[in-house]
mmCIF file of all heavy atoms, coordinates in Angstrom:
data_MODEL
# 
_entry.id   MODEL 
# 
loop_
_atom_site.group_PDB 
_atom_site.id 
_atom_site.type_symbol 
_atom_site.label_atom_id 
_atom_site.label_alt_id 
_atom_site.label_comp_id 
_atom_site.label_asym_id 
_atom_site.label_entity_id 
_atom_site.label_seq_id 
_atom_site.pdbx_PDB_ins_code 
_atom_site.Cartn_x 
_atom_site.Cartn_y 
_atom_site.Cartn_z 
_atom_site.occupancy 
_atom_site.B_iso_or_equiv 
_atom_site.pdbx_formal_charge 
_atom_site.auth_seq_id 
_atom_site.auth_comp_id 
_atom_site.auth_asym_id 
_atom_site.auth_atom_id 
_atom_site.pdbx_PDB_model_num 
ATOM 1   N N   . LEU A 1 1  ? 105.495 100.180 93.200  1.00 0.00 ? 1  LEU A N   1 
ATOM 2   C CA  . LEU A 1 1  ? 104.346 99.344  93.578  1.00 0.00 ? 1  LEU A CA  1 
ATOM 3   C C   . LEU A 1 1  ? 104.882 98.099  94.306  1.00 0.00 ? 1  LEU A C   1 
ATOM 4   O O   . LEU A 1 1  ? 105.721 97.366  93.811  1.00 0.00 ? 1  LEU A O   1 
ATOM 5   C CB  . LEU A 1 1  ? 103.591 98.916  92.318  1.00 0.00 ? 1  LEU A CB  1 
ATOM 6   C CG  . LEU A 1 1  ? 102.415 97.985  92.565  1.00 0.00 ? 1  LEU A CG  1 
ATOM 7   C CD1 . LEU A 1 1  ? 101.349 98.630  93.455  1.00 0.00 ? 1  LEU A CD1 1 
ATOM 8   C CD2 . LEU A 1 1  ? 101.785 97.569  91.220  1.00 0.00 ? 1  LEU A CD2 1 
ATOM 9   N N   . ARG A 1 2  ? 104.361 97.884  95.490  1.00 0.00 ? 2  ARG A N   1 
ATOM 10  C CA  . ARG A 1 2  ? 104.686 96.675  96.280  1.00 0.00 ? 2  ARG A CA  1 
ATOM 11  C C   . ARG A 1 2  ? 103.529 95.698  96.148  1.00 0.00 ? 2  ARG A C   1 
ATOM 12  O O   . ARG A 1 2  ? 102.371 96.091  96.154  1.00 0.00 ? 2  ARG A O   1 
ATOM 13  C CB  . ARG A 1 2  ? 104.846 97.032  97.747  1.00 0.00 ? 2  ARG A CB  1 
ATOM 14  C CG  . ARG A 1 2  ? 106.047 97.863  98.048  1.00 0.00 ? 2  ARG A CG  1 
ATOM 15  C CD  . ARG A 1 2  ? 106.119 98.209  99.559  1.00 0.00 ? 2  ARG A CD  1 
ATOM 16  N NE  . ARG A 1 2  ? 105.872 97.038  100.396 1.00 0.00 ? 2  ARG A NE  1 
ATOM 17  C CZ  . ARG A 1 2  ? 105.023 97.006  101.391 1.00 0.00 ? 2  ARG A CZ  1 
ATOM 18  N NH1 . ARG A 1 2  ? 104.285 98.009  101.704 1.00 0.00 ? 2  ARG A NH1 1 
ATOM 19  N NH2 . ARG A 1 2  ? 104.861 95.910  102.085 1.00 0.00 ? 2  ARG A NH2 1 
ATOM 20  N N   . ARG A 1 3  ? 103.838 94.461  96.035  1.00 0.00 ? 3  ARG A N   1 
ATOM 21  C CA  . ARG A 1 3  ? 102.834 93.386  95.980  1.00 0.00 ? 3  ARG A CA  1 
ATOM 22  C C   . ARG A 1 3  ? 103.052 92.426  97.145  1.00 0.00 ? 3  ARG A C   1 
ATOM 23  O O   . ARG A 1 3  ? 104.221 92.159  97.477  1.00 0.00 ? 3  ARG A O   1 
ATOM 24  C CB  . ARG A 1 3  ? 102.917 92.652  94.676  1.00 0.00 ? 3  ARG A CB  1 
ATOM 25  C CG  . ARG A 1 3  ? 102.558 93.476  93.481  1.00 0.00 ? 3  ARG A CG  1 
ATOM 26  C CD  . ARG A 1 3  ? 102.657 92.658  92.212  1.00 0.00 ? 3  ARG A CD  1 
ATOM 27  N NE  . ARG A 1 3  ? 102.212 93.430  91.077  1.00 0.00 ? 3  ARG A NE  1 
ATOM 28  C CZ  . ARG A 1 3  ? 103.087 94.010  90.222  1.00 0.00 ? 3  ARG A CZ  1 
ATOM 29  N NH1 . ARG A 1 3  ? 104.370 93.859  90.386  1.00 0.00 ? 3  ARG A NH1 1 
ATOM 30  N NH2 . ARG A 1 3  ? 102.624 94.698  89.205  1.00 0.00 ? 3  ARG A NH2 1 
ATOM 31  N N   . PRO A 1 4  ? 101.997 91.894  97.778  1.00 0.00 ? 4  PRO A N   1 
ATOM 32  C CA  . PRO A 1 4  ? 102.211 90.907  98.813  1.00 0.00 ? 4  PRO A CA  1 
ATOM 33  C C   . PRO A 1 4  ? 102.832 89.647  98.217  1.00 0.00 ? 4  PRO A C   1 
ATOM 34  O O   . PRO A 1 4  ? 102.552 89.290  97.078  1.00 0.00 ? 4  PRO A O   1 
ATOM 35  C CB  . PRO A 1 4  ? 100.829 90.644  99.364  1.00 0.00 ? 4  PRO A CB  1 
ATOM 36  C CG  . PRO A 1 4  ? 99.866  91.132  98.319  1.00 0.00 ? 4  PRO A CG  1 
ATOM 37  C CD  . PRO A 1 4  ? 100.585 92.178  97.527  1.00 0.00 ? 4  PRO A CD  1 
ATOM 38  N N   . THR A 1 5  ? 103.688 88.976  98.975  1.00 0.00 ? 5  THR A N   1 
ATOM 39  C CA  . THR A 1 5  ? 104.309 87.737  98.516  1.00 0.00 ? 5  THR A CA  1 
ATOM 40  C C   . THR A 1 5  ? 103.796 86.521  99.243  1.00 0.00 ? 5  THR A C   1 
ATOM 41  O O   . THR A 1 5  ? 104.026 85.390  98.807  1.00 0.00 ? 5  THR A O   1 
ATOM 42  C CB  . THR A 1 5  ? 105.850 87.801  98.676  1.00 0.00 ? 5  THR A CB  1 
ATOM 43  O OG1 . THR A 1 5  ? 106.134 88.070  100.040 1.00 0.00 ? 5  THR A OG1 1 
ATOM 44  C CG2 . THR A 1 5  ? 106.434 88.895  97.755  1.00 0.00 ? 5  THR A CG2 1 
ATOM 45  N N   . ASP A 1 6  ? 103.078 86.738  100.324 1.00 0.00 ? 6  ASP A N   1 
ATOM 46  C CA  . ASP A 1 6  ? 102.471 85.593  101.018 1.00 0.00 ? 6  ASP A CA  1 
ATOM 47  C C   . ASP A 1 6  ? 101.158 86.110  101.681 1.00 0.00 ? 6  ASP A C   1 
ATOM 48  O O   . ASP A 1 6  ? 100.997 87.290  101.923 1.00 0.00 ? 6  ASP A O   1 
ATOM 49  C CB  . ASP A 1 6  ? 103.387 85.012  102.065 1.00 0.00 ? 6  ASP A CB  1 
ATOM 50  C CG  . ASP A 1 6  ? 103.902 85.987  103.092 1.00 0.00 ? 6  ASP A CG  1 
ATOM 51  O OD1 . ASP A 1 6  ? 104.002 87.185  102.764 1.00 0.00 ? 6  ASP A OD1 1 
ATOM 52  O OD2 . ASP A 1 6  ? 104.142 85.592  104.224 1.00 0.00 ? 6  ASP A OD2 1 
ATOM 53  N N   . ARG A 1 7  ? 100.249 85.152  101.896 1.00 0.00 ? 7  ARG A N   1 
ATOM 54  C CA  . ARG A 1 7  ? 98.980  85.531  102.516 1.00 0.00 ? 7  ARG A CA  1 
ATOM 55  C C   . ARG A 1 7  ? 98.435  84.281  103.208 1.00 0.00 ? 7  ARG A C   1 
ATOM 56  O O   . ARG A 1 7  ? 98.749  83.150  102.867 1.00 0.00 ? 7  ARG A O   1 
ATOM 57  C CB  . ARG A 1 7  ? 97.990  86.033  101.457 1.00 0.00 ? 7  ARG A CB  1 
ATOM 58  C CG  . ARG A 1 7  ? 97.607  85.020  100.395 1.00 0.00 ? 7  ARG A CG  1 
ATOM 59  C CD  . ARG A 1 7  ? 96.781  85.636  99.341  1.00 0.00 ? 7  ARG A CD  1 
ATOM 60  N NE  . ARG A 1 7  ? 96.315  84.634  98.347  1.00 0.00 ? 7  ARG A NE  1 
ATOM 61  C CZ  . ARG A 1 7  ? 95.598  84.912  97.292  1.00 0.00 ? 7  ARG A CZ  1 
ATOM 62  N NH1 . ARG A 1 7  ? 95.213  86.164  97.078  1.00 0.00 ? 7  ARG A NH1 1 
ATOM 63  N NH2 . ARG A 1 7  ? 95.242  83.950  96.450  1.00 0.00 ? 7  ARG A NH2 1 
ATOM 64  N N   . THR A 1 8  ? 97.599  84.539  104.224 1.00 0.00 ? 8  THR A N   1 
ATOM 65  C CA  . THR A 1 8  ? 97.000  83.467  105.026 1.00 0.00 ? 8  THR A CA  1 
ATOM 66  C C   . THR A 1 8  ? 95.507  83.779  105.192 1.00 0.00 ? 8  THR A C   1 
ATOM 67  O O   . THR A 1 8  ? 95.180  84.931  105.530 1.00 0.00 ? 8  THR A O   1 
ATOM 68  C CB  . THR A 1 8  ? 97.660  83.349  106.395 1.00 0.00 ? 8  THR A CB  1 
ATOM 69  O OG1 . THR A 1 8  ? 99.072  83.142  106.214 1.00 0.00 ? 8  THR A OG1 1 
ATOM 70  C CG2 . THR A 1 8  ? 97.102  82.187  107.211 1.00 0.00 ? 8  THR A CG2 1 
ATOM 71  N N   . CYS A 1 9  ? 94.668  82.786  104.989 1.00 0.00 ? 9  CYS A N   1 
ATOM 72  C CA  . CYS A 1 9  ? 93.237  82.971  105.198 1.00 0.00 ? 9  CYS A CA  1 
ATOM 73  C C   . CYS A 1 9  ? 92.971  83.080  106.722 1.00 0.00 ? 9  CYS A C   1 
ATOM 74  O O   . CYS A 1 9  ? 93.381  82.195  107.495 1.00 0.00 ? 9  CYS A O   1 
ATOM 75  C CB  . CYS A 1 9  ? 92.455  81.821  104.564 1.00 0.00 ? 9  CYS A CB  1 
ATOM 76  S SG  . CYS A 1 9  ? 90.660  81.953  104.852 1.00 0.00 ? 9  CYS A SG  1 
ATOM 77  N N   . GLU A 1 10 ? 92.228  84.105  107.121 1.00 0.00 ? 10 GLU A N   1 
ATOM 78  C CA  . GLU A 1 10 ? 91.905  84.272  108.519 1.00 0.00 ? 10 GLU A CA  1 
ATOM 79  C C   . GLU A 1 10 ? 90.786  83.319  108.995 1.00 0.00 ? 10 GLU A C   1 
ATOM 80  O O   . GLU A 1 10 ? 90.589  83.152  110.165 1.00 0.00 ? 10 GLU A O   1 
ATOM 81  C CB  . GLU A 1 10 ? 91.481  85.724  108.762 1.00 0.00 ? 10 GLU A CB  1 
ATOM 82  C CG  . GLU A 1 10 ? 92.659  86.698  108.535 1.00 0.00 ? 10 GLU A CG  1 
ATOM 83  C CD  . GLU A 1 10 ? 92.277  88.120  108.777 1.00 0.00 ? 10 GLU A CD  1 
ATOM 84  O OE1 . GLU A 1 10 ? 91.054  88.454  108.820 1.00 0.00 ? 10 GLU A OE1 1 
ATOM 85  O OE2 . GLU A 1 10 ? 93.198  88.942  108.876 1.00 0.00 ? 10 GLU A OE2 1 
ATOM 86  N N   . ARG A 1 11 ? 90.094  82.698  108.048 1.00 0.00 ? 11 ARG A N   1 
ATOM 87  C CA  . ARG A 1 11 ? 88.988  81.797  108.429 1.00 0.00 ? 11 ARG A CA  1 
ATOM 88  C C   . ARG A 1 11 ? 89.450  80.342  108.554 1.00 0.00 ? 11 ARG A C   1 
ATOM 89  O O   . ARG A 1 11 ? 89.139  79.664  109.501 1.00 0.00 ? 11 ARG A O   1 
ATOM 90  C CB  . ARG A 1 11 ? 87.889  81.885  107.397 1.00 0.00 ? 11 ARG A CB  1 
ATOM 91  C CG  . ARG A 1 11 ? 87.216  83.217  107.338 1.00 0.00 ? 11 ARG A CG  1 
ATOM 92  C CD  . ARG A 1 11 ? 86.090  83.231  106.360 1.00 0.00 ? 11 ARG A CD  1 
ATOM 93  N NE  . ARG A 1 11 ? 85.454  84.560  106.293 1.00 0.00 ? 11 ARG A NE  1 
ATOM 94  C CZ  . ARG A 1 11 ? 84.337  84.783  105.707 1.00 0.00 ? 11 ARG A CZ  1 
ATOM 95  N NH1 . ARG A 1 11 ? 83.698  83.812  105.081 1.00 0.00 ? 11 ARG A NH1 1 
ATOM 96  N NH2 . ARG A 1 11 ? 83.824  85.968  105.707 1.00 0.00 ? 11 ARG A NH2 1 
ATOM 97  N N   . CYS A 1 12 ? 90.214  79.837  107.512 1.00 0.00 ? 12 CYS A N   1 
ATOM 98  C CA  . CYS A 1 12 ? 90.549  78.407  107.531 1.00 0.00 ? 12 CYS A CA  1 
ATOM 99  C C   . CYS A 1 12 ? 92.010  78.125  107.674 1.00 0.00 ? 12 CYS A C   1 
ATOM 100 O O   . CYS A 1 12 ? 92.434  76.957  107.812 1.00 0.00 ? 12 CYS A O   1 
ATOM 101 C CB  . CYS A 1 12 ? 90.014  77.712  106.249 1.00 0.00 ? 12 CYS A CB  1 
ATOM 102 S SG  . CYS A 1 12 ? 90.877  78.158  104.735 1.00 0.00 ? 12 CYS A SG  1 
ATOM 103 N N   . GLY A 1 13 ? 92.872  79.172  107.644 1.00 0.00 ? 13 GLY A N   1 
ATOM 104 C CA  . GLY A 1 13 ? 94.278  78.981  107.849 1.00 0.00 ? 13 GLY A CA  1 
ATOM 105 C C   . GLY A 1 13 ? 95.100  78.634  106.600 1.00 0.00 ? 13 GLY A C   1 
ATOM 106 O O   . GLY A 1 13 ? 96.290  78.407  106.702 1.00 0.00 ? 13 GLY A O   1 
ATOM 107 N N   . ARG A 1 14 ? 94.472  78.598  105.449 1.00 0.00 ? 14 ARG A N   1 
ATOM 108 C CA  . ARG A 1 14 ? 95.186  78.300  104.215 1.00 0.00 ? 14 ARG A CA  1 
ATOM 109 C C   . ARG A 1 14 ? 96.283  79.301  103.990 1.00 0.00 ? 14 ARG A C   1 
ATOM 110 O O   . ARG A 1 14 ? 96.063  80.522  104.037 1.00 0.00 ? 14 ARG A O   1 
ATOM 111 C CB  . ARG A 1 14 ? 94.243  78.293  103.024 1.00 0.00 ? 14 ARG A CB  1 
ATOM 112 C CG  . ARG A 1 14 ? 94.875  78.063  101.679 1.00 0.00 ? 14 ARG A CG  1 
ATOM 113 C CD  . ARG A 1 14 ? 93.874  78.287  100.569 1.00 0.00 ? 14 ARG A CD  1 
ATOM 114 N NE  . ARG A 1 14 ? 94.443  78.075  99.267  1.00 0.00 ? 14 ARG A NE  1 
ATOM 115 C CZ  . ARG A 1 14 ? 94.045  77.136  98.414  1.00 0.00 ? 14 ARG A CZ  1 
ATOM 116 N NH1 . ARG A 1 14 ? 93.049  76.330  98.763  1.00 0.00 ? 14 ARG A NH1 1 
ATOM 117 N NH2 . ARG A 1 14 ? 94.622  76.983  97.259  1.00 0.00 ? 14 ARG A NH2 1 
ATOM 118 N N   . ALA A 1 15 ? 97.516  78.862  103.731 1.00 0.00 ? 15 ALA A N   1 
ATOM 119 C CA  . ALA A 1 15 ? 98.644  79.732  103.479 1.00 0.00 ? 15 ALA A CA  1 
ATOM 120 C C   . ALA A 1 15 ? 99.065  79.599  102.039 1.00 0.00 ? 15 ALA A C   1 
ATOM 121 O O   . ALA A 1 15 ? 99.134  78.477  101.503 1.00 0.00 ? 15 ALA A O   1 
ATOM 122 C CB  . ALA A 1 15 ? 99.807  79.383  104.394 1.00 0.00 ? 15 ALA A CB  1 
ATOM 123 N N   . GLU A 1 16 ? 99.339  80.743  101.381 1.00 0.00 ? 16 GLU A N   1 
ATOM 124 C CA  . GLU A 1 16 ? 99.756  80.754  100.011 1.00 0.00 ? 16 GLU A CA  1 
ATOM 125 C C   . GLU A 1 16 ? 100.926 81.683  99.835  1.00 0.00 ? 16 GLU A C   1 
ATOM 126 O O   . GLU A 1 16 ? 101.092 82.651  100.574 1.00 0.00 ? 16 GLU A O   1 
ATOM 127 C CB  . GLU A 1 16 ? 98.642  81.241  99.097  1.00 0.00 ? 16 GLU A CB  1 
ATOM 128 C CG  . GLU A 1 16 ? 97.437  80.307  99.075  1.00 0.00 ? 16 GLU A CG  1 
ATOM 129 C CD  . GLU A 1 16 ? 96.352  80.768  98.061  1.00 0.00 ? 16 GLU A CD  1 
ATOM 130 O OE1 . GLU A 1 16 ? 96.393  81.924  97.624  1.00 0.00 ? 16 GLU A OE1 1 
ATOM 131 O OE2 . GLU A 1 16 ? 95.485  79.955  97.788  1.00 0.00 ? 16 GLU A OE2 1 
ATOM 132 N N   . GLN A 1 17 ? 101.790 81.385  98.828  1.00 0.00 ? 17 GLN A N   1 
ATOM 133 C CA  . GLN A 1 17 ? 102.881 82.265  98.455  1.00 0.00 ? 17 GLN A CA  1 
ATOM 134 C C   . GLN A 1 17 ? 102.778 82.558  96.960  1.00 0.00 ? 17 GLN A C   1 
ATOM 135 O O   . GLN A 1 17 ? 102.326 81.724  96.166  1.00 0.00 ? 17 GLN A O   1 
ATOM 136 C CB  . GLN A 1 17 ? 104.227 81.591  98.718  1.00 0.00 ? 17 GLN A CB  1 
ATOM 137 C CG  . GLN A 1 17 ? 104.587 81.548  100.166 1.00 0.00 ? 17 GLN A CG  1 
ATOM 138 C CD  . GLN A 1 17 ? 105.967 80.996  100.379 1.00 0.00 ? 17 GLN A CD  1 
ATOM 139 O OE1 . GLN A 1 17 ? 106.452 80.185  99.601  1.00 0.00 ? 17 GLN A OE1 1 
ATOM 140 N NE2 . GLN A 1 17 ? 106.606 81.408  101.458 1.00 0.00 ? 17 GLN A NE2 1 
ATOM 141 N N   . TRP A 1 18 ? 103.219 83.767  96.566  1.00 0.00 ? 18 TRP A N   1 
ATOM 142 C CA  . TRP A 1 18 ? 103.203 84.171  95.174  1.00 0.00 ? 18 TRP A CA  1 
ATOM 143 C C   . TRP A 1 18 ? 104.370 83.529  94.436  1.00 0.00 ? 18 TRP A C   1 
ATOM 144 O O   . TRP A 1 18 ? 105.509 83.556  94.889  1.00 0.00 ? 18 TRP A O   1 
ATOM 145 C CB  . TRP A 1 18 ? 103.286 85.670  95.057  1.00 0.00 ? 18 TRP A CB  1 
ATOM 146 C CG  . TRP A 1 18 ? 103.242 86.148  93.642  1.00 0.00 ? 18 TRP A CG  1 
ATOM 147 C CD1 . TRP A 1 18 ? 104.266 86.633  92.892  1.00 0.00 ? 18 TRP A CD1 1 
ATOM 148 C CD2 . TRP A 1 18 ? 102.079 86.153  92.800  1.00 0.00 ? 18 TRP A CD2 1 
ATOM 149 N NE1 . TRP A 1 18 ? 103.825 86.963  91.644  1.00 0.00 ? 18 TRP A NE1 1 
ATOM 150 C CE2 . TRP A 1 18 ? 102.510 86.679  91.545  1.00 0.00 ? 18 TRP A CE2 1 
ATOM 151 C CE3 . TRP A 1 18 ? 100.764 85.774  92.944  1.00 0.00 ? 18 TRP A CE3 1 
ATOM 152 C CZ2 . TRP A 1 18 ? 101.616 86.832  90.474  1.00 0.00 ? 18 TRP A CZ2 1 
ATOM 153 C CZ3 . TRP A 1 18 ? 99.907  85.937  91.878  1.00 0.00 ? 18 TRP A CZ3 1 
ATOM 154 C CH2 . TRP A 1 18 ? 100.327 86.459  90.664  1.00 0.00 ? 18 TRP A CH2 1 
ATOM 155 N N   . ASN A 1 19 ? 104.114 82.901  93.306  1.00 0.00 ? 19 ASN A N   1 
ATOM 156 C CA  . ASN A 1 19 ? 105.132 82.291  92.456  1.00 0.00 ? 19 ASN A CA  1 
ATOM 157 C C   . ASN A 1 19 ? 105.280 83.237  91.237  1.00 0.00 ? 19 ASN A C   1 
ATOM 158 O O   . ASN A 1 19 ? 104.399 83.285  90.378  1.00 0.00 ? 19 ASN A O   1 
ATOM 159 C CB  . ASN A 1 19 ? 104.742 80.895  92.028  1.00 0.00 ? 19 ASN A CB  1 
ATOM 160 C CG  . ASN A 1 19 ? 105.795 80.240  91.213  1.00 0.00 ? 19 ASN A CG  1 
ATOM 161 O OD1 . ASN A 1 19 ? 106.545 80.846  90.463  1.00 0.00 ? 19 ASN A OD1 1 
ATOM 162 N ND2 . ASN A 1 19 ? 105.872 78.920  91.331  1.00 0.00 ? 19 ASN A ND2 1 
ATOM 163 N N   . ALA A 1 20 ? 106.396 83.949  91.168  1.00 0.00 ? 20 ALA A N   1 
ATOM 164 C CA  . ALA A 1 20 ? 106.614 84.888  90.105  1.00 0.00 ? 20 ALA A CA  1 
ATOM 165 C C   . ALA A 1 20 ? 106.832 84.188  88.738  1.00 0.00 ? 20 ALA A C   1 
ATOM 166 O O   . ALA A 1 20 ? 106.567 84.762  87.670  1.00 0.00 ? 20 ALA A O   1 
ATOM 167 C CB  . ALA A 1 20 ? 107.814 85.794  90.414  1.00 0.00 ? 20 ALA A CB  1 
ATOM 168 N N   . THR A 1 21 ? 107.291 82.957  88.758  1.00 0.00 ? 21 THR A N   1 
ATOM 169 C CA  . THR A 1 21 ? 107.514 82.229  87.525  1.00 0.00 ? 21 THR A CA  1 
ATOM 170 C C   . THR A 1 21 ? 106.236 81.902  86.811  1.00 0.00 ? 21 THR A C   1 
ATOM 171 O O   . THR A 1 21 ? 106.094 82.062  85.583  1.00 0.00 ? 21 THR A O   1 
ATOM 172 C CB  . THR A 1 21 ? 108.298 80.912  87.806  1.00 0.00 ? 21 THR A CB  1 
ATOM 173 O OG1 . THR A 1 21 ? 109.491 81.216  88.497  1.00 0.00 ? 21 THR A OG1 1 
ATOM 174 C CG2 . THR A 1 21 ? 108.597 80.192  86.524  1.00 0.00 ? 21 THR A CG2 1 
ATOM 175 N N   . THR A 1 22 ? 105.200 81.495  87.581  1.00 0.00 ? 22 THR A N   1 
ATOM 176 C CA  . THR A 1 22 ? 103.916 81.139  86.989  1.00 0.00 ? 22 THR A CA  1 
ATOM 177 C C   . THR A 1 22 ? 102.890 82.252  87.108  1.00 0.00 ? 22 THR A C   1 
ATOM 178 O O   . THR A 1 22 ? 101.752 82.107  86.631  1.00 0.00 ? 22 THR A O   1 
ATOM 179 C CB  . THR A 1 22 ? 103.335 79.885  87.667  1.00 0.00 ? 22 THR A CB  1 
ATOM 180 O OG1 . THR A 1 22 ? 103.163 80.125  89.087  1.00 0.00 ? 22 THR A OG1 1 
ATOM 181 C CG2 . THR A 1 22 ? 104.268 78.676  87.455  1.00 0.00 ? 22 THR A CG2 1 
ATOM 182 N N   . ASP A 1 23 ? 103.269 83.347  87.786  1.00 0.00 ? 23 ASP A N   1 
ATOM 183 C CA  . ASP A 1 23 ? 102.323 84.453  88.031  1.00 0.00 ? 23 ASP A CA  1 
ATOM 184 C C   . ASP A 1 23 ? 101.038 84.008  88.684  1.00 0.00 ? 23 ASP A C   1 
ATOM 185 O O   . ASP A 1 23 ? 99.931  84.341  88.229  1.00 0.00 ? 23 ASP A O   1 
ATOM 186 C CB  . ASP A 1 23 ? 102.030 85.225  86.721  1.00 0.00 ? 23 ASP A CB  1 
ATOM 187 C CG  . ASP A 1 23 ? 103.154 86.078  86.266  1.00 0.00 ? 23 ASP A CG  1 
ATOM 188 O OD1 . ASP A 1 23 ? 103.958 86.508  87.118  1.00 0.00 ? 23 ASP A OD1 1 
ATOM 189 O OD2 . ASP A 1 23 ? 103.231 86.347  85.049  1.00 0.00 ? 23 ASP A OD2 1 
ATOM 190 N N   . SER A 1 24 ? 101.188 83.215  89.731  1.00 0.00 ? 24 SER A N   1 
ATOM 191 C CA  . SER A 1 24 ? 99.981  82.745  90.459  1.00 0.00 ? 24 SER A CA  1 
ATOM 192 C C   . SER A 1 24 ? 100.324 82.442  91.924  1.00 0.00 ? 24 SER A C   1 
ATOM 193 O O   . SER A 1 24 ? 101.477 82.314  92.298  1.00 0.00 ? 24 SER A O   1 
ATOM 194 C CB  . SER A 1 24 ? 99.446  81.487  89.791  1.00 0.00 ? 24 SER A CB  1 
ATOM 195 O OG  . SER A 1 24 ? 100.380 80.450  89.867  1.00 0.00 ? 24 SER A OG  1 
ATOM 196 N N   . TRP A 1 25 ? 99.264  82.349  92.708  1.00 0.00 ? 25 TRP A N   1 
ATOM 197 C CA  . TRP A 1 25 ? 99.412  81.967  94.142  1.00 0.00 ? 25 TRP A CA  1 
ATOM 198 C C   . TRP A 1 25 ? 99.457  80.449  94.210  1.00 0.00 ? 25 TRP A C   1 
ATOM 199 O O   . TRP A 1 25 ? 98.790  79.752  93.505  1.00 0.00 ? 25 TRP A O   1 
ATOM 200 C CB  . TRP A 1 25 ? 98.237  82.468  94.950  1.00 0.00 ? 25 TRP A CB  1 
ATOM 201 C CG  . TRP A 1 25 ? 98.201  83.930  95.084  1.00 0.00 ? 25 TRP A CG  1 
ATOM 202 C CD1 . TRP A 1 25 ? 97.479  84.833  94.334  1.00 0.00 ? 25 TRP A CD1 1 
ATOM 203 C CD2 . TRP A 1 25 ? 98.939  84.724  96.045  1.00 0.00 ? 25 TRP A CD2 1 
ATOM 204 N NE1 . TRP A 1 25 ? 97.725  86.106  94.735  1.00 0.00 ? 25 TRP A NE1 1 
ATOM 205 C CE2 . TRP A 1 25 ? 98.623  86.077  95.790  1.00 0.00 ? 25 TRP A CE2 1 
ATOM 206 C CE3 . TRP A 1 25 ? 99.829  84.440  97.040  1.00 0.00 ? 25 TRP A CE3 1 
ATOM 207 C CZ2 . TRP A 1 25 ? 99.169  87.117  96.542  1.00 0.00 ? 25 TRP A CZ2 1 
ATOM 208 C CZ3 . TRP A 1 25 ? 100.377 85.463  97.759  1.00 0.00 ? 25 TRP A CZ3 1 
ATOM 209 C CH2 . TRP A 1 25 ? 100.046 86.779  97.520  1.00 0.00 ? 25 TRP A CH2 1 
ATOM 210 N N   . GLU A 1 26 ? 100.340 79.931  95.140  1.00 0.00 ? 26 GLU A N   1 
ATOM 211 C CA  . GLU A 1 26 ? 100.464 78.465  95.378  1.00 0.00 ? 26 GLU A CA  1 
ATOM 212 C C   . GLU A 1 26 ? 100.289 78.201  96.827  1.00 0.00 ? 26 GLU A C   1 
ATOM 213 O O   . GLU A 1 26 ? 100.771 78.919  97.681  1.00 0.00 ? 26 GLU A O   1 
ATOM 214 C CB  . GLU A 1 26 ? 101.803 77.996  94.876  1.00 0.00 ? 26 GLU A CB  1 
ATOM 215 C CG  . GLU A 1 26 ? 101.982 78.113  93.384  1.00 0.00 ? 26 GLU A CG  1 
ATOM 216 C CD  . GLU A 1 26 ? 103.340 77.599  92.908  1.00 0.00 ? 26 GLU A CD  1 
ATOM 217 O OE1 . GLU A 1 26 ? 104.225 77.299  93.766  1.00 0.00 ? 26 GLU A OE1 1 
ATOM 218 O OE2 . GLU A 1 26 ? 103.478 77.450  91.689  1.00 0.00 ? 26 GLU A OE2 1 
# 
């Protein structure tokens, strides 16, 4: 199973990365 590690909102440009330590997007 692959999980995305980063993502960007196509509407407002917000960029987030996955933090494996906290199990959440930042």
